């Protein structure tokens, strides 16, 4: 049975389109993952900075003591 050359061309076009769609989805998935991690890193750094600022030991001023006469 003889197949027309246009049938092969149409099948190749369809396969190529499927590959383009798959590549586009992979590209979008990669971008979405990066954006999610960038936001997560921002939140982590903010929490770390806040925790560091709140947990720092600050010197306490101790008043000088005077001896009381007995």
Protein backbone atom coordinates (compact mmCIF):
# COMPACT_ATOMS: atom_id res chain seq x y z
CA UNK A 1 0.00 0.00 0.00
CA UNK A 2 1.44 3.33 -1.02
CA UNK A 3 1.28 6.24 1.44
CA UNK A 4 1.28 9.75 0.18
CA UNK A 5 4.25 11.93 1.20
CA UNK A 6 1.88 14.54 2.63
CA UNK A 7 0.72 12.02 5.25
CA UNK A 8 4.27 11.66 6.57
CA UNK A 9 4.64 15.44 6.57
CA UNK A 10 1.41 15.87 8.53
CA UNK A 11 2.48 13.25 11.08
CA UNK A 12 5.85 14.98 11.50
CA UNK A 13 4.12 18.34 11.99
CA UNK A 14 1.85 16.89 14.67
CA UNK A 15 4.76 15.27 16.47
CA UNK A 16 6.73 18.51 16.31
CA UNK A 17 3.77 20.41 17.75
CA UNK A 18 3.56 17.91 20.62
CA UNK A 19 7.25 18.46 21.35
CA UNK A 20 6.76 22.24 21.35
CA UNK A 21 3.84 21.98 23.78
CA UNK A 22 5.82 19.70 26.07
CA UNK A 23 8.83 22.03 26.01
CA UNK A 24 6.61 25.03 26.77
CA UNK A 25 5.10 23.27 29.77
CA UNK A 26 8.56 22.31 31.03
CA UNK A 27 9.72 25.92 30.65
CA UNK A 28 6.73 27.23 32.59
CA UNK A 29 7.21 24.63 35.32
CA UNK A 30 10.85 25.63 35.70
CA UNK A 31 9.93 29.31 36.00
CA UNK A 32 7.19 28.58 38.54
CA UNK A 33 9.60 26.56 40.68
CA UNK A 34 12.18 29.35 40.68
CA UNK A 35 9.63 32.00 41.60
CA UNK A 36 8.37 29.91 44.47
CA UNK A 37 11.85 29.39 45.86
CA UNK A 38 12.78 33.04 45.49
CA UNK A 39 9.80 34.03 47.61
CA UNK A 40 10.62 31.34 50.12
CA UNK A 41 14.23 32.53 50.36
CA UNK A 42 13.02 36.08 50.94
CA UNK A 43 10.76 34.98 53.79
CA UNK A 44 13.52 32.84 55.31
CA UNK A 45 15.99 35.73 55.27
CA UNK A 46 13.42 38.10 56.81
CA UNK A 47 12.65 35.63 59.61
CA UNK A 48 16.34 35.04 60.25
CA UNK A 49 17.02 38.79 60.42
CA UNK A 50 14.10 39.34 62.78
CA UNK A 51 15.14 36.45 65.00
CA UNK A 52 18.72 37.76 65.15
CA UNK A 53 17.58 41.29 65.99
CA UNK A 54 15.27 40.12 68.75
CA UNK A 55 17.66 37.65 70.33
CA UNK A 56 20.71 39.91 70.60
CA UNK A 57 21.92 40.42 74.10
CA UNK A 58 21.97 44.04 74.98
CA UNK A 59 24.08 45.38 77.83
CA UNK A 60 22.07 46.30 80.87
CA UNK A 61 23.04 49.47 82.71
CA UNK A 62 23.85 48.60 86.31
CA UNK A 63 23.67 51.53 88.69
CA UNK A 64 26.70 52.14 90.89
CA UNK A 65 26.17 50.93 94.40
CA UNK A 66 27.02 53.08 97.37
CA UNK A 67 27.91 51.60 100.68
CA UNK A 68 25.47 52.52 103.38
CA UNK A 69 26.89 53.57 106.75
CA UNK A 70 25.90 51.38 109.66
